[in-house]
């Protein structure tokens, strides 16, 4: 019964069990509280409601993540084809540009979650930072004349995107209020 998060059934399967364990990781509480205070004090005014998707009737963050994910997945496909280096690098750049609005809307949503979901959200954010760092390095190395390394970094970034997507999906679908 230890795997039960307050108000939920026992987790079944490896991924939900890992997510539930992260939700109980009290070591993340201090960071979660500090970051939440910062996010909530940013003077966004009515922009906060826009970033949360209130006018849409749907959170904005899941819509915005399609830009970087789609661009990076498309870059990976192009990386498997001959003579598509320039197009793949362009898509990696598009994904990097698309991260900022997705991240801002995600932080605004995250600040309103309950503590267990904020803990898991911090892991989601850290995994996102890893993915973005890998893609930034991929973009730079591709432009610096090292396309093979750039492709390898891109594929590692895509793996990190898969992990963070699983965490985000868990937050959105398995623990929705």
N, C-alpha and C. Protein backbone atom coordinates (compact mmCIF):
# COMPACT_ATOMS: atom_id res chain seq x y z
N UNK A 1 0.82 -1.19 0.00
CA UNK A 1 0.00 0.00 0.00
C UNK A 1 0.86 1.25 0.00
N UNK A 2 2.18 1.09 0.11
CA UNK A 2 3.08 2.24 0.14
C UNK A 2 3.10 3.00 -1.18
N UNK A 3 2.76 2.35 -2.29
CA UNK A 3 2.78 3.00 -3.59
C UNK A 3 1.54 3.85 -3.86
N UNK A 4 0.68 4.01 -2.89
CA UNK A 4 -0.54 4.76 -3.09
C UNK A 4 -0.30 6.24 -2.79
N UNK A 5 -0.55 7.07 -3.80
CA UNK A 5 -0.52 8.52 -3.60
C UNK A 5 -1.90 8.90 -3.08
N UNK A 6 -1.94 9.82 -2.16
CA UNK A 6 -3.18 10.24 -1.54
C UNK A 6 -4.30 10.38 -2.57
N UNK A 7 -5.38 9.65 -2.39
CA UNK A 7 -6.53 9.76 -3.26
C UNK A 7 -6.44 8.99 -4.56
N UNK A 8 -5.45 8.10 -4.71
CA UNK A 8 -5.34 7.36 -5.97
C UNK A 8 -5.16 5.87 -5.69
N UNK A 9 -5.35 5.09 -6.74
CA UNK A 9 -5.17 3.64 -6.64
C UNK A 9 -3.69 3.32 -6.72
N UNK A 10 -3.30 2.11 -6.29
CA UNK A 10 -1.89 1.73 -6.40
C UNK A 10 -1.41 1.80 -7.85
N UNK A 11 -0.18 2.24 -8.03
CA UNK A 11 0.39 2.35 -9.37
C UNK A 11 0.68 0.96 -9.92
N UNK A 12 0.37 0.75 -11.19
CA UNK A 12 0.60 -0.52 -11.85
C UNK A 12 1.56 -0.25 -13.00
N UNK A 13 2.63 -1.02 -13.07
CA UNK A 13 3.61 -0.84 -14.14
C UNK A 13 4.79 -0.03 -13.65
N UNK A 14 5.91 -0.20 -14.33
CA UNK A 14 7.15 0.44 -13.93
C UNK A 14 7.07 1.96 -13.99
N UNK A 15 6.60 2.52 -15.11
CA UNK A 15 6.58 3.97 -15.26
C UNK A 15 5.70 4.63 -14.20
N UNK A 16 4.45 4.18 -14.01
CA UNK A 16 3.65 4.82 -12.95
C UNK A 16 4.26 4.67 -11.56
N UNK A 17 4.91 3.54 -11.29
CA UNK A 17 5.54 3.36 -9.98
C UNK A 17 6.68 4.34 -9.78
N UNK A 18 7.49 4.56 -10.83
CA UNK A 18 8.58 5.53 -10.75
C UNK A 18 8.02 6.93 -10.56
N UNK A 19 6.96 7.26 -11.30
CA UNK A 19 6.34 8.59 -11.17
C UNK A 19 5.80 8.81 -9.76
N UNK A 20 5.14 7.80 -9.24
CA UNK A 20 4.60 7.91 -7.88
C UNK A 20 5.72 8.08 -6.85
N UNK A 21 6.83 7.39 -7.05
CA UNK A 21 7.96 7.53 -6.14
C UNK A 21 8.52 8.95 -6.19
N UNK A 22 8.62 9.51 -7.39
CA UNK A 22 9.09 10.89 -7.54
C UNK A 22 8.12 11.87 -6.88
N UNK A 23 6.84 11.58 -6.96
CA UNK A 23 5.84 12.46 -6.32
C UNK A 23 5.98 12.46 -4.80
N UNK A 24 6.56 11.41 -4.26
CA UNK A 24 6.75 11.33 -2.80
C UNK A 24 8.14 11.77 -2.36
N UNK A 25 8.97 12.25 -3.29
CA UNK A 25 10.36 12.62 -3.00
C UNK A 25 10.39 13.96 -2.27
N UNK A 26 10.31 13.90 -0.95
CA UNK A 26 10.25 15.12 -0.14
C UNK A 26 11.54 15.95 -0.25
N UNK A 27 12.62 15.35 -0.73
CA UNK A 27 13.86 16.09 -0.92
C UNK A 27 13.69 17.23 -1.94
N UNK A 28 12.66 17.15 -2.75
CA UNK A 28 12.40 18.18 -3.76
C UNK A 28 11.56 19.34 -3.22
N UNK A 29 11.06 19.22 -1.99
CA UNK A 29 10.13 20.22 -1.46
C UNK A 29 10.72 21.62 -1.36
N UNK A 30 11.94 21.75 -0.89
CA UNK A 30 12.54 23.07 -0.75
C UNK A 30 12.66 23.77 -2.10
N UNK A 31 13.16 23.04 -3.09
CA UNK A 31 13.28 23.62 -4.43
C UNK A 31 11.90 23.93 -5.00
N UNK A 32 10.95 23.05 -4.78
CA UNK A 32 9.59 23.28 -5.30
C UNK A 32 8.99 24.54 -4.70
N UNK A 33 9.19 24.75 -3.42
CA UNK A 33 8.66 25.96 -2.78
C UNK A 33 9.34 27.22 -3.28
N UNK A 34 10.66 27.18 -3.40
CA UNK A 34 11.39 28.37 -3.86
C UNK A 34 11.02 28.74 -5.30
N UNK A 35 11.00 27.75 -6.17
CA UNK A 35 10.68 28.03 -7.57
C UNK A 35 9.23 28.50 -7.70
N UNK A 36 8.34 27.90 -6.94
CA UNK A 36 6.93 28.32 -7.00
C UNK A 36 6.78 29.79 -6.61
N UNK A 37 7.48 30.21 -5.55
CA UNK A 37 7.41 31.62 -5.13
C UNK A 37 7.89 32.54 -6.26
N UNK A 38 8.98 32.15 -6.90
CA UNK A 38 9.50 32.98 -8.00
C UNK A 38 8.49 33.06 -9.14
N UNK A 39 7.97 31.91 -9.56
CA UNK A 39 7.02 31.89 -10.68
C UNK A 39 5.78 32.72 -10.36
N UNK A 40 5.29 32.60 -9.14
CA UNK A 40 4.08 33.33 -8.77
C UNK A 40 4.30 34.83 -8.60
N UNK A 41 5.55 35.26 -8.41
CA UNK A 41 5.80 36.70 -8.24
C UNK A 41 6.13 37.41 -9.55
N UNK A 42 6.31 36.67 -10.63
CA UNK A 42 6.57 37.31 -11.91
C UNK A 42 5.31 38.09 -12.30
N UNK A 43 5.45 39.38 -12.58
CA UNK A 43 4.28 40.22 -12.85
C UNK A 43 3.73 40.02 -14.26
N UNK A 44 2.89 39.02 -14.41
CA UNK A 44 2.33 38.70 -15.72
C UNK A 44 0.95 39.30 -15.94
N UNK A 45 0.31 39.76 -14.87
CA UNK A 45 -1.03 40.33 -15.00
C UNK A 45 -1.98 39.33 -15.65
N UNK A 46 -2.73 39.84 -16.63
CA UNK A 46 -3.69 38.98 -17.34
C UNK A 46 -2.99 37.94 -18.21
N UNK A 47 -1.71 38.18 -18.48
CA UNK A 47 -0.93 37.22 -19.25
C UNK A 47 -0.88 35.85 -18.59
N UNK A 48 -0.97 35.83 -17.27
CA UNK A 48 -0.96 34.55 -16.55
C UNK A 48 -2.14 33.69 -16.99
N UNK A 49 -3.32 34.31 -17.11
CA UNK A 49 -4.50 33.55 -17.56
C UNK A 49 -4.34 33.08 -19.01
N UNK A 50 -3.74 33.92 -19.85
CA UNK A 50 -3.50 33.53 -21.25
C UNK A 50 -2.54 32.35 -21.28
N UNK A 51 -1.46 32.43 -20.51
CA UNK A 51 -0.48 31.34 -20.47
C UNK A 51 -1.06 30.05 -19.92
N UNK A 52 -2.07 30.15 -19.08
CA UNK A 52 -2.71 28.95 -18.55
C UNK A 52 -3.80 28.43 -19.48
N UNK A 53 -4.10 29.19 -20.55
CA UNK A 53 -5.08 28.74 -21.54
C UNK A 53 -6.52 28.96 -21.13
N UNK A 54 -6.76 29.89 -20.20
CA UNK A 54 -8.14 30.09 -19.72
C UNK A 54 -9.09 30.47 -20.84
N UNK A 55 -8.67 31.27 -21.79
CA UNK A 55 -9.55 31.64 -22.89
C UNK A 55 -9.84 30.48 -23.84
N UNK A 56 -8.99 29.49 -23.83
CA UNK A 56 -9.15 28.32 -24.69
C UNK A 56 -10.00 27.24 -24.06
N UNK A 57 -10.09 27.26 -22.74
CA UNK A 57 -10.75 26.16 -22.05
C UNK A 57 -9.88 24.92 -22.01
N UNK A 58 -8.59 25.11 -22.22
CA UNK A 58 -7.63 24.00 -22.29
C UNK A 58 -6.27 24.58 -21.95
N UNK A 59 -5.44 23.88 -21.19
CA UNK A 59 -4.10 24.40 -20.89
C UNK A 59 -3.32 24.67 -22.18
N UNK A 60 -2.57 25.74 -22.18
CA UNK A 60 -1.79 26.14 -23.36
C UNK A 60 -0.51 25.32 -23.52
N UNK A 61 0.10 24.94 -22.42
CA UNK A 61 1.38 24.23 -22.46
C UNK A 61 1.37 22.99 -23.37
N UNK A 62 0.39 22.10 -23.24
CA UNK A 62 0.41 20.92 -24.12
C UNK A 62 0.30 21.27 -25.60
N UNK A 63 -0.31 22.40 -25.92
CA UNK A 63 -0.39 22.81 -27.32
C UNK A 63 0.95 23.34 -27.81
N UNK A 64 1.62 24.12 -26.96
CA UNK A 64 2.87 24.75 -27.37
C UNK A 64 4.03 23.77 -27.50
N UNK A 65 4.01 22.68 -26.76
CA UNK A 65 5.13 21.74 -26.85
C UNK A 65 5.18 21.02 -28.19
N UNK A 66 4.11 21.10 -28.96
CA UNK A 66 4.12 20.47 -30.28
C UNK A 66 5.16 21.10 -31.21
N UNK A 67 5.46 22.38 -31.02
CA UNK A 67 6.44 23.03 -31.90
C UNK A 67 7.83 22.41 -31.71
N UNK A 68 8.40 22.43 -30.50
CA UNK A 68 9.73 21.82 -30.40
C UNK A 68 9.73 20.32 -30.65
N UNK A 69 8.74 19.62 -30.13
CA UNK A 69 8.72 18.17 -30.33
C UNK A 69 8.60 17.84 -31.82
N UNK A 70 7.69 18.50 -32.50
CA UNK A 70 7.52 18.24 -33.93
C UNK A 70 8.75 18.59 -34.74
N UNK A 71 9.36 19.73 -34.42
CA UNK A 71 10.56 20.14 -35.14
C UNK A 71 11.69 19.15 -34.91
N UNK A 72 11.88 18.75 -33.66
CA UNK A 72 12.99 17.84 -33.36
C UNK A 72 12.76 16.44 -33.92
N UNK A 73 11.54 15.96 -33.88
CA UNK A 73 11.24 14.66 -34.47
C UNK A 73 11.47 14.72 -35.99
N UNK A 74 11.05 15.80 -36.61
CA UNK A 74 11.26 15.97 -38.05
C UNK A 74 12.75 16.05 -38.37
N UNK A 75 13.51 16.73 -37.53
CA UNK A 75 14.97 16.79 -37.73
C UNK A 75 15.58 15.39 -37.67
N UNK A 76 15.08 14.58 -36.75
CA UNK A 76 15.60 13.21 -36.64
C UNK A 76 15.32 12.41 -37.91
N UNK A 77 14.14 12.59 -38.48
CA UNK A 77 13.82 11.90 -39.74
C UNK A 77 14.78 12.36 -40.83
N UNK A 78 14.98 13.68 -40.93
CA UNK A 78 15.90 14.20 -41.94
C UNK A 78 17.33 13.73 -41.72
N UNK A 79 17.70 13.53 -40.46
CA UNK A 79 19.04 13.03 -40.16
C UNK A 79 19.26 11.63 -40.69
N UNK A 80 18.21 10.92 -40.96
CA UNK A 80 18.32 9.56 -41.50
C UNK A 80 18.40 9.55 -43.02
N UNK A 81 18.22 10.73 -43.63
CA UNK A 81 18.24 10.84 -45.09
C UNK A 81 19.54 11.51 -45.55
N UNK A 82 20.01 11.17 -46.74
CA UNK A 82 21.22 11.82 -47.24
C UNK A 82 20.93 13.27 -47.66
N UNK A 83 21.91 14.11 -47.52
CA UNK A 83 21.87 15.48 -48.03
C UNK A 83 20.78 16.35 -47.41
N UNK A 84 20.43 16.13 -46.18
CA UNK A 84 19.41 16.94 -45.52
C UNK A 84 19.97 17.65 -44.29
N UNK A 85 21.28 17.84 -44.25
CA UNK A 85 21.92 18.45 -43.08
C UNK A 85 21.37 19.84 -42.77
N UNK A 86 21.29 20.68 -43.78
CA UNK A 86 20.86 22.06 -43.56
C UNK A 86 19.42 22.12 -43.05
N UNK A 87 18.55 21.33 -43.67
CA UNK A 87 17.15 21.32 -43.25
C UNK A 87 17.02 20.79 -41.82
N UNK A 88 17.78 19.75 -41.49
CA UNK A 88 17.72 19.19 -40.14
C UNK A 88 18.19 20.22 -39.12
N UNK A 89 19.27 20.93 -39.43
CA UNK A 89 19.77 21.96 -38.51
C UNK A 89 18.74 23.07 -38.34
N UNK A 90 18.08 23.45 -39.42
CA UNK A 90 17.05 24.48 -39.34
C UNK A 90 15.93 24.04 -38.39
N UNK A 91 15.52 22.79 -38.50
CA UNK A 91 14.45 22.29 -37.62
C UNK A 91 14.90 22.21 -36.16
N UNK A 92 16.15 21.87 -35.93
CA UNK A 92 16.66 21.89 -34.55
C UNK A 92 16.56 23.31 -34.01
N UNK A 93 16.90 24.30 -34.83
CA UNK A 93 16.79 25.71 -34.42
C UNK A 93 15.35 26.13 -34.16
N UNK A 94 14.43 25.70 -35.02
CA UNK A 94 13.01 26.00 -34.81
C UNK A 94 12.55 25.44 -33.47
N UNK A 95 12.96 24.22 -33.18
CA UNK A 95 12.60 23.61 -31.90
C UNK A 95 13.14 24.40 -30.72
N UNK A 96 14.37 24.86 -30.83
CA UNK A 96 14.96 25.65 -29.75
C UNK A 96 14.20 26.96 -29.53
N UNK A 97 13.78 27.60 -30.60
CA UNK A 97 13.01 28.84 -30.48
C UNK A 97 11.64 28.55 -29.85
N UNK A 98 11.05 27.43 -30.21
CA UNK A 98 9.73 27.07 -29.69
C UNK A 98 9.70 26.67 -28.23
N UNK A 99 10.87 26.43 -27.66
CA UNK A 99 10.93 26.00 -26.25
C UNK A 99 10.48 27.10 -25.29
N UNK A 100 10.87 28.33 -25.55
CA UNK A 100 10.61 29.42 -24.59
C UNK A 100 9.13 29.58 -24.26
N UNK A 101 8.24 29.74 -25.24
CA UNK A 101 6.83 29.90 -24.86
C UNK A 101 6.26 28.65 -24.19
N UNK A 102 6.70 27.48 -24.62
CA UNK A 102 6.23 26.25 -23.99
C UNK A 102 6.67 26.18 -22.54
N UNK A 103 7.92 26.56 -22.29
CA UNK A 103 8.45 26.52 -20.92
C UNK A 103 7.74 27.53 -20.02
N UNK A 104 7.54 28.74 -20.51
CA UNK A 104 6.88 29.76 -19.68
C UNK A 104 5.47 29.31 -19.32
N UNK A 105 4.72 28.81 -20.29
CA UNK A 105 3.36 28.36 -19.98
C UNK A 105 3.39 27.15 -19.04
N UNK A 106 4.38 26.29 -19.20
CA UNK A 106 4.50 25.14 -18.31
C UNK A 106 4.77 25.54 -16.87
N UNK A 107 5.67 26.51 -16.67
CA UNK A 107 5.98 26.97 -15.31
C UNK A 107 4.75 27.61 -14.66
N UNK A 108 3.99 28.38 -15.44
CA UNK A 108 2.80 29.03 -14.88
C UNK A 108 1.78 27.97 -14.45
N UNK A 109 1.59 26.93 -15.27
CA UNK A 109 0.70 25.83 -14.88
C UNK A 109 1.25 25.10 -13.66
N UNK A 110 2.54 24.81 -13.69
CA UNK A 110 3.19 24.05 -12.62
C UNK A 110 2.99 24.71 -11.26
N UNK A 111 3.06 26.03 -11.20
CA UNK A 111 2.96 26.75 -9.93
C UNK A 111 1.61 26.56 -9.26
N UNK A 112 0.62 26.07 -9.98
CA UNK A 112 -0.72 25.87 -9.42
C UNK A 112 -1.00 24.42 -9.05
N UNK A 113 -0.04 23.55 -9.23
CA UNK A 113 -0.23 22.13 -8.92
C UNK A 113 -0.10 21.87 -7.43
N UNK A 114 -0.60 20.73 -7.00
CA UNK A 114 -0.39 20.31 -5.61
C UNK A 114 1.07 19.87 -5.45
N UNK A 115 1.51 19.73 -4.21
CA UNK A 115 2.93 19.46 -3.93
C UNK A 115 3.44 18.18 -4.60
N UNK A 116 2.75 17.06 -4.54
CA UNK A 116 3.30 15.87 -5.21
C UNK A 116 3.51 16.08 -6.71
N UNK A 117 2.60 16.76 -7.36
CA UNK A 117 2.74 17.00 -8.79
C UNK A 117 3.80 18.06 -9.06
N UNK A 118 4.00 19.00 -8.16
CA UNK A 118 5.10 19.97 -8.33
C UNK A 118 6.44 19.25 -8.24
N UNK A 119 6.55 18.27 -7.35
CA UNK A 119 7.80 17.50 -7.26
C UNK A 119 8.09 16.83 -8.60
N UNK A 120 7.10 16.14 -9.14
CA UNK A 120 7.27 15.46 -10.42
C UNK A 120 7.52 16.48 -11.53
N UNK A 121 6.88 17.62 -11.45
CA UNK A 121 7.08 18.68 -12.43
C UNK A 121 8.51 19.20 -12.45
N UNK A 122 9.16 19.22 -11.29
CA UNK A 122 10.57 19.63 -11.25
C UNK A 122 11.44 18.63 -12.02
N UNK A 123 11.13 17.37 -11.90
CA UNK A 123 11.88 16.35 -12.65
C UNK A 123 11.60 16.52 -14.15
N UNK A 124 10.36 16.81 -14.49
CA UNK A 124 9.98 17.08 -15.88
C UNK A 124 10.79 18.26 -16.42
N UNK A 125 10.88 19.33 -15.63
CA UNK A 125 11.63 20.52 -16.05
C UNK A 125 13.12 20.20 -16.21
N UNK A 126 13.68 19.45 -15.27
CA UNK A 126 15.10 19.10 -15.35
C UNK A 126 15.39 18.26 -16.60
N UNK A 127 14.48 17.37 -16.92
CA UNK A 127 14.65 16.55 -18.12
C UNK A 127 14.51 17.41 -19.37
N UNK A 128 13.62 18.40 -19.31
CA UNK A 128 13.50 19.35 -20.43
C UNK A 128 14.80 20.13 -20.62
N UNK A 129 15.39 20.57 -19.52
CA UNK A 129 16.65 21.31 -19.60
C UNK A 129 17.72 20.43 -20.25
N UNK A 130 17.74 19.17 -19.90
CA UNK A 130 18.69 18.23 -20.51
C UNK A 130 18.46 18.14 -22.01
N UNK A 131 17.20 17.98 -22.42
CA UNK A 131 16.89 17.89 -23.84
C UNK A 131 17.30 19.16 -24.58
N UNK A 132 16.97 20.31 -24.01
CA UNK A 132 17.31 21.58 -24.65
C UNK A 132 18.83 21.75 -24.75
N UNK A 133 19.55 21.38 -23.71
CA UNK A 133 21.01 21.49 -23.74
C UNK A 133 21.59 20.59 -24.83
N UNK A 134 21.05 19.39 -24.97
CA UNK A 134 21.53 18.49 -26.01
C UNK A 134 21.23 19.05 -27.40
N UNK A 135 20.04 19.62 -27.56
CA UNK A 135 19.70 20.20 -28.86
C UNK A 135 20.49 21.48 -29.14
N UNK A 136 20.76 22.27 -28.13
CA UNK A 136 21.60 23.47 -28.34
C UNK A 136 23.01 23.04 -28.77
N UNK A 137 23.54 22.01 -28.12
CA UNK A 137 24.85 21.50 -28.51
C UNK A 137 24.80 20.90 -29.92
N UNK A 138 23.71 20.23 -30.24
CA UNK A 138 23.53 19.68 -31.58
C UNK A 138 23.54 20.79 -32.62
N UNK A 139 22.80 21.85 -32.36
CA UNK A 139 22.73 22.99 -33.28
C UNK A 139 24.12 23.60 -33.49
N UNK A 140 24.82 23.80 -32.39
CA UNK A 140 26.15 24.42 -32.46
C UNK A 140 27.15 23.53 -33.19
N UNK A 141 27.16 22.25 -32.90
CA UNK A 141 28.13 21.37 -33.55
C UNK A 141 27.82 21.17 -35.03
N UNK A 142 26.55 21.15 -35.36
CA UNK A 142 26.18 21.05 -36.78
C UNK A 142 26.72 22.27 -37.52
N UNK A 143 26.55 23.45 -36.92
CA UNK A 143 27.03 24.69 -37.53
C UNK A 143 28.54 24.82 -37.51
N UNK A 144 29.18 24.09 -36.61
CA UNK A 144 30.63 24.14 -36.48
C UNK A 144 31.35 23.11 -37.31
N UNK A 145 30.64 22.47 -38.22
CA UNK A 145 31.30 21.53 -39.12
C UNK A 145 31.43 20.12 -38.60
N UNK A 146 30.61 19.76 -37.61
CA UNK A 146 30.65 18.40 -37.04
C UNK A 146 29.26 17.78 -37.12
N UNK A 147 28.78 17.52 -38.34
CA UNK A 147 27.40 17.04 -38.49
C UNK A 147 27.14 15.68 -37.83
N UNK A 148 28.11 14.81 -37.83
CA UNK A 148 27.92 13.50 -37.20
C UNK A 148 27.67 13.63 -35.71
N UNK A 149 28.48 14.44 -35.05
CA UNK A 149 28.28 14.68 -33.61
C UNK A 149 26.95 15.40 -33.39
N UNK A 150 26.63 16.34 -34.27
CA UNK A 150 25.36 17.05 -34.16
C UNK A 150 24.17 16.10 -34.24
N UNK A 151 24.24 15.15 -35.17
CA UNK A 151 23.16 14.15 -35.27
C UNK A 151 23.09 13.29 -34.02
N UNK A 152 24.23 12.86 -33.53
CA UNK A 152 24.25 12.03 -32.32
C UNK A 152 23.65 12.78 -31.13
N UNK A 153 24.04 14.05 -30.96
CA UNK A 153 23.48 14.85 -29.88
C UNK A 153 21.98 15.04 -30.07
N UNK A 154 21.54 15.20 -31.31
CA UNK A 154 20.12 15.33 -31.60
C UNK A 154 19.35 14.07 -31.20
N UNK A 155 19.89 12.91 -31.52
CA UNK A 155 19.21 11.67 -31.14
C UNK A 155 19.18 11.49 -29.62
N UNK A 156 20.24 11.91 -28.94
CA UNK A 156 20.22 11.87 -27.46
C UNK A 156 19.17 12.85 -26.94
N UNK A 157 19.09 14.02 -27.56
CA UNK A 157 18.06 15.00 -27.18
C UNK A 157 16.67 14.44 -27.38
N UNK A 158 16.46 13.73 -28.48
CA UNK A 158 15.15 13.14 -28.75
C UNK A 158 14.81 12.09 -27.69
N UNK A 159 15.80 11.33 -27.24
CA UNK A 159 15.55 10.37 -26.16
C UNK A 159 15.13 11.10 -24.88
N UNK A 160 15.79 12.21 -24.57
CA UNK A 160 15.40 13.00 -23.39
C UNK A 160 13.99 13.57 -23.56
N UNK A 161 13.64 13.98 -24.78
CA UNK A 161 12.29 14.47 -25.05
C UNK A 161 11.27 13.35 -24.79
N UNK A 162 11.61 12.14 -25.16
CA UNK A 162 10.71 11.01 -24.89
C UNK A 162 10.48 10.80 -23.41
N UNK A 163 11.56 10.91 -22.63
CA UNK A 163 11.43 10.74 -21.17
C UNK A 163 10.59 11.87 -20.58
N UNK A 164 10.90 13.11 -20.96
CA UNK A 164 10.16 14.23 -20.39
C UNK A 164 8.70 14.22 -20.86
N UNK A 165 8.47 13.73 -22.07
CA UNK A 165 7.10 13.59 -22.55
C UNK A 165 6.32 12.57 -21.74
N UNK A 166 6.97 11.49 -21.35
CA UNK A 166 6.30 10.49 -20.52
C UNK A 166 5.94 11.09 -19.16
N UNK A 167 6.85 11.88 -18.61
CA UNK A 167 6.57 12.53 -17.32
C UNK A 167 5.44 13.53 -17.49
N UNK A 168 5.50 14.35 -18.53
CA UNK A 168 4.44 15.34 -18.77
C UNK A 168 3.11 14.67 -19.02
N UNK A 169 3.11 13.59 -19.76
CA UNK A 169 1.87 12.84 -20.00
C UNK A 169 1.29 12.30 -18.71
N UNK A 170 2.16 11.81 -17.85
CA UNK A 170 1.71 11.31 -16.56
C UNK A 170 1.08 12.44 -15.75
N UNK A 171 1.74 13.58 -15.73
CA UNK A 171 1.19 14.73 -15.01
C UNK A 171 -0.17 15.15 -15.55
N UNK A 172 -0.30 15.17 -16.86
CA UNK A 172 -1.52 15.65 -17.49
C UNK A 172 -2.67 14.63 -17.45
N UNK A 173 -2.33 13.36 -17.61
CA UNK A 173 -3.40 12.37 -17.77
C UNK A 173 -3.65 11.47 -16.58
N UNK A 174 -2.61 11.16 -15.84
CA UNK A 174 -2.80 10.24 -14.73
C UNK A 174 -3.06 10.92 -13.41
N UNK A 175 -2.72 12.17 -13.30
CA UNK A 175 -2.87 12.86 -12.04
C UNK A 175 -3.67 14.15 -12.18
N UNK A 176 -4.42 14.26 -13.26
CA UNK A 176 -5.19 15.49 -13.47
C UNK A 176 -6.18 15.67 -12.34
N UNK A 177 -6.39 16.94 -11.92
CA UNK A 177 -7.33 17.18 -10.79
C UNK A 177 -8.76 16.88 -11.17
